[in-house]
Amino acid sequence: MYLDNKICYVGSTKDMKDRMKNYRVLHHNPKQVGYTCKIHQAMREHGFDRFTMGLLEEVEVENKRELFSIEGGWQDTFEELGINLYNTVKAQGLGNVYSYETYQKRLAKQREKIPCDICGKMICRMGISRHKKRKHKN
């Protein structure tokens, strides 16, 4: 994903058409989790239609660790060429910000079931706020 061939965002997807559709929805909806991401802020600032998505490489991988490694390699390549990136977190590569194991631990914590302090229902940690907004409107 890039803007006027000057600033780039490196990501990965299984379905480019679906990914682009998600960007279109997420960049302007403040209720979406990714709303504050750098790439979405830039889309609001410059206009979604000024961004272009292109395929850098088509790969088959066994797991996300391999995918993050490849993605991180592309991020490193663009940085070496002096191209600015919208990526706020470097995918696992030569200069990873956090390891795959840390990513897995964070994900496990988000998926951990905790009780709602209002009704006691067990809800995954990352969904507790949405549960309270929808089920306990006050």
Protein backbone atom coordinates (compact mmCIF):
# COMPACT_ATOMS: atom_id res chain seq x y z
CA MET A 1 0.00 0.00 0.00
CA TYR A 2 1.53 3.34 -0.92
CA LEU A 3 0.76 7.02 -1.35
CA ASP A 4 2.10 8.81 -4.43
CA ASN A 5 5.12 6.45 -4.55
CA LYS A 6 6.59 8.29 -1.53
CA ILE A 7 5.35 6.61 1.63
CA CYS A 8 4.68 2.91 1.94
CA TYR A 9 2.88 0.46 4.21
CA VAL A 10 3.99 -3.17 4.08
CA GLY A 11 1.43 -5.79 5.07
CA SER A 12 0.25 -9.24 4.18
CA THR A 13 -3.06 -10.78 3.24
CA LYS A 14 -4.66 -13.88 1.78
CA ASP A 15 -7.16 -11.83 -0.24
CA MET A 16 -6.11 -8.41 -1.60
CA LYS A 17 -9.63 -7.40 -2.64
CA ASP A 18 -10.97 -8.14 0.85
CA ARG A 19 -8.03 -6.35 2.50
CA MET A 20 -8.66 -3.21 0.43
CA LYS A 21 -12.36 -3.33 1.34
CA ASN A 22 -11.40 -3.54 5.03
CA TYR A 23 -9.13 -0.50 4.68
CA ARG A 24 -11.99 1.43 3.11
CA VAL A 25 -14.26 0.61 6.08
CA LEU A 26 -11.71 0.91 8.90
CA HIS A 27 -10.05 4.19 7.96
CA HIS A 28 -13.12 6.32 8.67
CA ASN A 29 -14.93 4.42 11.44
CA PRO A 30 -13.81 5.59 14.91
CA LYS A 31 -15.43 2.55 16.54
CA GLN A 32 -13.07 0.16 14.74
CA VAL A 33 -9.97 -1.09 16.56
CA GLY A 34 -7.56 0.00 13.80
CA TYR A 35 -8.95 3.54 13.52
CA THR A 36 -5.91 5.16 15.19
CA CYS A 37 -3.32 3.23 13.14
CA LYS A 38 -0.90 5.42 11.22
CA ILE A 39 -2.05 4.10 7.83
CA HIS A 40 -5.71 4.87 8.58
CA GLN A 41 -4.86 8.36 9.82
CA ALA A 42 -2.99 8.98 6.57
CA MET A 43 -5.96 7.73 4.54
CA ARG A 44 -8.22 10.22 6.28
CA GLU A 45 -5.70 13.03 5.82
CA HIS A 46 -4.84 12.43 2.15
CA GLY A 47 -7.97 10.64 0.95
CA PHE A 48 -8.46 6.89 0.57
CA ASP A 49 -8.47 7.03 -3.25
CA ARG A 50 -4.89 8.37 -3.36
CA PHE A 51 -3.59 5.06 -1.94
CA THR A 52 -2.68 2.15 -4.16
CA MET A 53 -2.22 -1.49 -3.20
CA GLY A 54 0.27 -3.65 -5.05
CA LEU A 55 1.61 -7.17 -4.81
CA LEU A 56 5.29 -7.35 -3.84
CA GLU A 57 5.58 -11.10 -3.61
CA GLU A 58 3.29 -14.12 -3.61
CA VAL A 59 4.41 -16.76 -1.13
CA GLU A 60 3.19 -19.93 0.51
CA VAL A 61 4.10 -20.18 4.18
CA GLU A 62 3.65 -22.76 6.90
CA ASN A 63 2.83 -20.26 9.67
CA LYS A 64 2.60 -16.59 10.59
CA ARG A 65 6.18 -16.58 11.85
CA GLU A 66 7.43 -17.20 8.30
CA LEU A 67 5.02 -14.59 6.97
CA PHE A 68 6.17 -11.98 9.50
CA SER A 69 9.77 -12.72 8.63
CA ILE A 70 9.12 -12.08 4.93
CA GLU A 71 7.09 -8.96 5.72
CA GLY A 72 9.88 -7.66 7.97
CA GLY A 73 12.38 -8.26 5.18
CA TRP A 74 10.33 -6.08 2.83
CA GLN A 75 10.09 -3.37 5.49
CA ASP A 76 13.89 -3.46 5.87
CA THR A 77 14.34 -3.25 2.10
CA PHE A 78 12.13 -0.17 1.79
CA GLU A 79 13.88 1.51 4.73
CA GLU A 80 17.28 0.82 3.13
CA LEU A 81 16.02 2.48 -0.06
CA GLY A 82 15.04 5.55 1.97
CA ILE A 83 11.30 5.03 1.57
CA ASN A 84 9.25 6.14 4.57
CA LEU A 85 6.94 3.54 6.10
CA TYR A 86 3.53 3.95 7.71
CA ASN A 87 4.15 0.73 9.66
CA THR A 88 4.20 1.45 13.40
CA VAL A 89 5.42 -2.04 14.35
CA LYS A 90 8.08 -3.86 12.44
CA ALA A 91 7.11 -7.39 11.49
CA GLN A 92 9.53 -10.05 12.62
CA GLY A 93 12.58 -9.66 10.48
CA LEU A 94 16.08 -8.30 10.95
CA GLY A 95 14.90 -5.47 13.20
CA ASN A 96 11.83 -6.87 14.92
CA VAL A 97 10.24 -4.86 17.71
CA TYR A 98 8.92 -7.92 19.52
CA SER A 99 9.29 -11.61 18.96
CA TYR A 100 6.75 -14.06 17.62
CA GLU A 101 6.57 -15.61 21.09
CA THR A 102 5.67 -12.23 22.60
CA TYR A 103 3.02 -11.78 19.90
CA GLN A 104 1.56 -15.19 20.82
CA LYS A 105 1.55 -14.30 24.54
CA ARG A 106 -0.24 -11.01 23.84
CA LEU A 107 -2.77 -12.77 21.66
CA ALA A 108 -3.38 -15.45 24.32
CA LYS A 109 -3.96 -12.73 26.93
CA GLN A 110 -6.47 -10.96 24.68
CA ARG A 111 -8.34 -14.25 24.18
CA GLU A 112 -8.33 -15.10 27.90
CA LYS A 113 -11.84 -15.41 29.36
CA ILE A 114 -12.65 -13.07 32.22
CA PRO A 115 -15.96 -12.49 34.05
CA CYS A 116 -18.05 -9.42 33.32
CA ASP A 117 -18.14 -7.41 36.55
CA ILE A 118 -21.81 -6.60 35.93
CA CYS A 119 -23.42 -9.93 34.97
CA GLY A 120 -20.63 -12.45 35.62
CA LYS A 121 -20.70 -13.90 32.10
CA MET A 122 -17.31 -15.15 30.89
CA ILE A 123 -16.10 -12.99 27.98
CA CYS A 124 -12.75 -12.88 26.21
CA ARG A 125 -10.63 -9.98 27.48
CA MET A 126 -10.60 -8.12 24.14
CA GLY A 127 -14.43 -8.33 23.89
CA ILE A 128 -15.38 -7.22 27.40
CA SER A 129 -15.77 -3.54 26.45
CA ARG A 130 -18.06 -4.38 23.51
CA HIS A 131 -20.08 -6.75 25.73
CA LYS A 132 -20.67 -4.03 28.32
CA LYS A 133 -21.66 -1.48 25.67
CA ARG A 134 -24.13 -3.84 24.01
CA LYS A 135 -25.55 -5.78 26.95
CA HIS A 136 -25.40 -3.22 29.75
CA LYS A 137 -26.36 0.06 28.09
CA ASN A 138 -26.70 2.72 30.81
